[in-house]
């Protein structure tokens, strides 16, 4: 079992006892998403699955936040910010910019990528690295595009 998932489950109980409905709802939603991802993938709950699911939830919330800002819904923006902050507690810290840059350079050299057409090879090589669990591939794809002509 995943230690992050265990911590999330314990925090659901704490939030319920504290009668914090906002945190309880957000954590239960994350719990359900993790269980659904495990069922969809037909595998046990493990740390990479939990982290990937939480990253996806945070990304979806950030995308929705942009739409709420465009619509002038400050109340929903604030709610999304609170939920993002709550879920980010469970995510491992990302790589620093220098380390990420070095990993991208290694992957480009390793794959022999010459142009943006080879971007998939670079991303694939990065996904095989041990650090893949803490890499934000949305940001990485932009960095790879800049590095490849």
C-alpha atoms as a PDB file:
ATOM      1  CA  UNK A   1       0.000   0.000   0.000  1.00  0.00           C
ATOM      2  CA  UNK A   2       1.082   3.559  -0.629  1.00  0.00           C
ATOM      3  CA  UNK A   3       2.198   5.701   2.330  1.00  0.00           C
ATOM      4  CA  UNK A   4       0.751   8.774   0.612  1.00  0.00           C
ATOM      5  CA  UNK A   5      -2.606   7.053   0.244  1.00  0.00           C
ATOM      6  CA  UNK A   6      -2.523   5.965   3.887  1.00  0.00           C
ATOM      7  CA  UNK A   7      -1.858   9.566   4.928  1.00  0.00           C
ATOM      8  CA  UNK A   8      -4.711  10.793   2.724  1.00  0.00           C
ATOM      9  CA  UNK A   9      -7.117   8.279   4.288  1.00  0.00           C
ATOM     10  CA  UNK A  10      -6.050   9.308   7.803  1.00  0.00           C
ATOM     11  CA  UNK A  11      -6.538  12.981   6.908  1.00  0.00           C
ATOM     12  CA  UNK A  12     -10.077  12.235   5.689  1.00  0.00           C
ATOM     13  CA  UNK A  13     -10.923  10.943   9.165  1.00  0.00           C
ATOM     14  CA  UNK A  14      -9.318  13.978  10.817  1.00  0.00           C
ATOM     15  CA  UNK A  15     -11.254  16.342   8.527  1.00  0.00           C
ATOM     16  CA  UNK A  16     -14.492  14.505   9.239  1.00  0.00           C
ATOM     17  CA  UNK A  17     -13.962  14.689  13.009  1.00  0.00           C
ATOM     18  CA  UNK A  18     -13.131  18.403  12.705  1.00  0.00           C
ATOM     19  CA  UNK A  19     -16.328  18.869  10.663  1.00  0.00           C
ATOM     20  CA  UNK A  20     -14.280  20.514   7.906  1.00  0.00           C
ATOM     21  CA  UNK A  21     -16.661  19.845   5.027  1.00  0.00           C
ATOM     22  CA  UNK A  22     -14.472  21.512   2.393  1.00  0.00           C
ATOM     23  CA  UNK A  23     -11.417  19.389   3.211  1.00  0.00           C
ATOM     24  CA  UNK A  24     -13.513  16.259   3.681  1.00  0.00           C
ATOM     25  CA  UNK A  25     -15.133  16.662   0.273  1.00  0.00           C
ATOM     26  CA  UNK A  26     -11.838  17.416  -1.484  1.00  0.00           C
ATOM     27  CA  UNK A  27     -10.042  14.483   0.142  1.00  0.00           C
ATOM     28  CA  UNK A  28     -12.892  12.066  -0.491  1.00  0.00           C
ATOM     29  CA  UNK A  29     -12.975  13.138  -4.132  1.00  0.00           C
ATOM     30  CA  UNK A  30      -9.231  12.468  -4.397  1.00  0.00           C
ATOM     31  CA  UNK A  31      -9.691   9.099  -2.667  1.00  0.00           C
ATOM     32  CA  UNK A  32     -12.413   8.120  -5.134  1.00  0.00           C
ATOM     33  CA  UNK A  33     -10.255   9.207  -8.091  1.00  0.00           C
ATOM     34  CA  UNK A  34      -7.354   7.097  -6.817  1.00  0.00           C
ATOM     35  CA  UNK A  35      -9.557   4.035  -6.362  1.00  0.00           C
ATOM     36  CA  UNK A  36     -11.085   4.561  -9.814  1.00  0.00           C
ATOM     37  CA  UNK A  37      -7.619   4.847 -11.386  1.00  0.00           C
ATOM     38  CA  UNK A  38      -6.558   1.613  -9.705  1.00  0.00           C
ATOM     39  CA  UNK A  39      -9.654  -0.175 -10.977  1.00  0.00           C
ATOM     40  CA  UNK A  40      -9.245   1.240 -14.486  1.00  0.00           C
ATOM     41  CA  UNK A  41      -5.614   0.123 -14.590  1.00  0.00           C
ATOM     42  CA  UNK A  42      -6.554  -3.176 -12.923  1.00  0.00           C
ATOM     43  CA  UNK A  43      -3.695  -2.939 -10.462  1.00  0.00           C
ATOM     44  CA  UNK A  44      -2.995  -2.482  -6.785  1.00  0.00           C
ATOM     45  CA  UNK A  45      -2.809   0.917  -5.155  1.00  0.00           C
ATOM     46  CA  UNK A  46       0.867   1.818  -5.279  1.00  0.00           C
ATOM     47  CA  UNK A  47       2.782   5.046  -4.791  1.00  0.00           C
ATOM     48  CA  UNK A  48       3.275   5.931  -8.495  1.00  0.00           C
ATOM     49  CA  UNK A  49      -0.450   5.463  -9.187  1.00  0.00           C
ATOM     50  CA  UNK A  50      -1.444   7.625  -6.213  1.00  0.00           C
ATOM     51  CA  UNK A  51       1.009  10.397  -7.130  1.00  0.00           C
ATOM     52  CA  UNK A  52      -0.010  10.358 -10.804  1.00  0.00           C
ATOM     53  CA  UNK A  53      -3.695  10.546  -9.889  1.00  0.00           C
ATOM     54  CA  UNK A  54      -3.134  13.420  -7.473  1.00  0.00           C
ATOM     55  CA  UNK A  55      -1.041  15.280 -10.079  1.00  0.00           C
ATOM     56  CA  UNK A  56      -3.844  14.854 -12.593  1.00  0.00           C
ATOM     57  CA  UNK A  57      -6.392  16.162 -10.082  1.00  0.00           C
ATOM     58  CA  UNK A  58      -4.256  19.229  -9.354  1.00  0.00           C
ATOM     59  CA  UNK A  59      -3.786  19.851 -13.091  1.00  0.00           C
ATOM     60  CA  UNK A  60      -7.541  19.582 -13.707  1.00  0.00           C
ATOM     61  CA  UNK A  61      -8.226  22.008 -10.867  1.00  0.00           C
ATOM     62  CA  UNK A  62      -5.645  24.457 -12.229  1.00  0.00           C
ATOM     63  CA  UNK A  63      -7.226  24.255 -15.698  1.00  0.00           C
ATOM     64  CA  UNK A  64     -10.692  24.848 -14.221  1.00  0.00           C
ATOM     65  CA  UNK A  65      -9.313  27.794 -12.239  1.00  0.00           C
ATOM     66  CA  UNK A  66      -8.328  29.515 -15.485  1.00  0.00           C
ATOM     67  CA  UNK A  67     -11.855  29.117 -16.815  1.00  0.00           C
ATOM     68  CA  UNK A  68     -13.329  30.449 -13.575  1.00  0.00           C
ATOM     69  CA  UNK A  69     -11.050  33.488 -13.783  1.00  0.00           C
ATOM     70  CA  UNK A  70     -12.210  34.165 -17.334  1.00  0.00           C
ATOM     71  CA  UNK A  71     -15.814  33.888 -16.161  1.00  0.00           C
ATOM     72  CA  UNK A  72     -15.255  36.301 -13.288  1.00  0.00           C
ATOM     73  CA  UNK A  73     -16.092  33.708 -10.614  1.00  0.00           C
ATOM     74  CA  UNK A  74     -13.818  34.767  -7.757  1.00  0.00           C
ATOM     75  CA  UNK A  75     -15.639  32.428  -5.354  1.00  0.00           C
ATOM     76  CA  UNK A  76     -14.815  29.370  -7.459  1.00  0.00           C
ATOM     77  CA  UNK A  77     -11.237  30.563  -8.022  1.00  0.00           C
ATOM     78  CA  UNK A  78     -10.746  30.775  -4.250  1.00  0.00           C
ATOM     79  CA  UNK A  79     -12.306  27.332  -3.748  1.00  0.00           C
ATOM     80  CA  UNK A  80     -10.038  25.819  -6.410  1.00  0.00           C
ATOM     81  CA  UNK A  81      -6.963  27.467  -4.903  1.00  0.00           C
ATOM     82  CA  UNK A  82      -7.800  25.983  -1.507  1.00  0.00           C
ATOM     83  CA  UNK A  83      -8.316  22.515  -2.986  1.00  0.00           C
ATOM     84  CA  UNK A  84      -5.084  22.711  -4.996  1.00  0.00           C
ATOM     85  CA  UNK A  85      -3.158  23.758  -1.893  1.00  0.00           C
ATOM     86  CA  UNK A  86      -4.701  20.874   0.063  1.00  0.00           C
ATOM     87  CA  UNK A  87      -3.824  18.240  -2.560  1.00  0.00           C
ATOM     88  CA  UNK A  88      -0.304  19.562  -3.189  1.00  0.00           C
ATOM     89  CA  UNK A  89       0.589  18.534   0.385  1.00  0.00           C
ATOM     90  CA  UNK A  90       0.515  14.937  -0.803  1.00  0.00           C
ATOM     91  CA  UNK A  91       2.746  15.447  -3.839  1.00  0.00           C
ATOM     92  CA  UNK A  92       6.511  15.055  -3.621  1.00  0.00           C
ATOM     93  CA  UNK A  93       8.539  18.179  -4.307  1.00  0.00           C
ATOM     94  CA  UNK A  94       9.412  18.586  -7.971  1.00  0.00           C
ATOM     95  CA  UNK A  95      12.900  18.635  -9.394  1.00  0.00           C
ATOM     96  CA  UNK A  96      14.790  21.897  -9.361  1.00  0.00           C
ATOM     97  CA  UNK A  97      15.254  23.649 -12.698  1.00  0.00           C
ATOM     98  CA  UNK A  98      18.955  22.797 -13.050  1.00  0.00           C
ATOM     99  CA  UNK A  99      18.399  19.068 -12.468  1.00  0.00           C
ATOM    100  CA  UNK A 100      15.425  19.019 -14.839  1.00  0.00           C
ATOM    101  CA  UNK A 101      17.467  20.801 -17.497  1.00  0.00           C
ATOM    102  CA  UNK A 102      20.270  18.252 -17.094  1.00  0.00           C
ATOM    103  CA  UNK A 103      17.824  15.333 -17.407  1.00  0.00           C
ATOM    104  CA  UNK A 104      16.370  16.802 -20.599  1.00  0.00           C
ATOM    105  CA  UNK A 105      19.844  17.309 -22.073  1.00  0.00           C
ATOM    106  CA  UNK A 106      20.770  13.705 -21.224  1.00  0.00           C
ATOM    107  CA  UNK A 107      17.559  12.397 -22.797  1.00  0.00           C
ATOM    108  CA  UNK A 108      18.118  14.423 -25.969  1.00  0.00           C
ATOM    109  CA  UNK A 109      21.678  13.117 -26.261  1.00  0.00           C
ATOM    110  CA  UNK A 110      20.621   9.561 -25.383  1.00  0.00           C
ATOM    111  CA  UNK A 111      17.883   9.462 -28.037  1.00  0.00           C
ATOM    112  CA  UNK A 112      19.811  11.430 -30.652  1.00  0.00           C
ATOM    113  CA  UNK A 113      16.857  13.795 -31.079  1.00  0.00           C
ATOM    114  CA  UNK A 114      17.437  16.405 -33.786  1.00  0.00           C
ATOM    115  CA  UNK A 115      14.114  18.200 -34.186  1.00  0.00           C
ATOM    116  CA  UNK A 116      10.687  18.639 -32.637  1.00  0.00           C
ATOM    117  CA  UNK A 117       9.603  15.531 -34.534  1.00  0.00           C
ATOM    118  CA  UNK A 118      11.760  13.545 -32.096  1.00  0.00           C
ATOM    119  CA  UNK A 119      10.093  15.032 -29.034  1.00  0.00           C
ATOM    120  CA  UNK A 120       8.181  11.806 -28.314  1.00  0.00           C
ATOM    121  CA  UNK A 121      11.448   9.879 -28.057  1.00  0.00           C
ATOM    122  CA  UNK A 122      12.812  12.382 -25.524  1.00  0.00           C
ATOM    123  CA  UNK A 123       9.639  12.318 -23.404  1.00  0.00           C
ATOM    124  CA  UNK A 124       9.615   8.502 -23.583  1.00  0.00           C
ATOM    125  CA  UNK A 125      13.218   8.358 -22.386  1.00  0.00           C
ATOM    126  CA  UNK A 126      12.386  10.698 -19.499  1.00  0.00           C
ATOM    127  CA  UNK A 127       9.405   8.554 -18.483  1.00  0.00           C
ATOM    128  CA  UNK A 128      11.730   5.564 -18.083  1.00  0.00           C
ATOM    129  CA  UNK A 129      13.982   7.436 -15.632  1.00  0.00           C
ATOM    130  CA  UNK A 130      13.710   6.857 -11.880  1.00  0.00           C
ATOM    131  CA  UNK A 131      12.846  10.545 -11.418  1.00  0.00           C
ATOM    132  CA  UNK A 132       9.753  10.216 -13.648  1.00  0.00           C
ATOM    133  CA  UNK A 133       7.398  10.217 -10.655  1.00  0.00           C
ATOM    134  CA  UNK A 134       8.382  13.779  -9.736  1.00  0.00           C
ATOM    135  CA  UNK A 135       8.613  15.230 -13.256  1.00  0.00           C
ATOM    136  CA  UNK A 136       5.869  17.535 -14.490  1.00  0.00           C
ATOM    137  CA  UNK A 137       5.680  16.403 -18.111  1.00  0.00           C
ATOM    138  CA  UNK A 138       3.524  19.376 -19.122  1.00  0.00           C
ATOM    139  CA  UNK A 139       6.357  21.722 -18.237  1.00  0.00           C
ATOM    140  CA  UNK A 140       8.966  19.334 -19.652  1.00  0.00           C
ATOM    141  CA  UNK A 141       7.336  19.235 -23.081  1.00  0.00           C
ATOM    142  CA  UNK A 142       7.625  23.029 -23.317  1.00  0.00           C
ATOM    143  CA  UNK A 143      11.299  22.891 -22.289  1.00  0.00           C
ATOM    144  CA  UNK A 144      12.025  20.134 -24.814  1.00  0.00           C
ATOM    145  CA  UNK A 145      10.351  22.165 -27.570  1.00  0.00           C
ATOM    146  CA  UNK A 146      12.637  25.102 -26.766  1.00  0.00           C
ATOM    147  CA  UNK A 147      15.742  22.904 -26.894  1.00  0.00           C
ATOM    148  CA  UNK A 148      14.890  21.162 -30.175  1.00  0.00           C
ATOM    149  CA  UNK A 149      14.899  23.241 -33.396  1.00  0.00           C
END
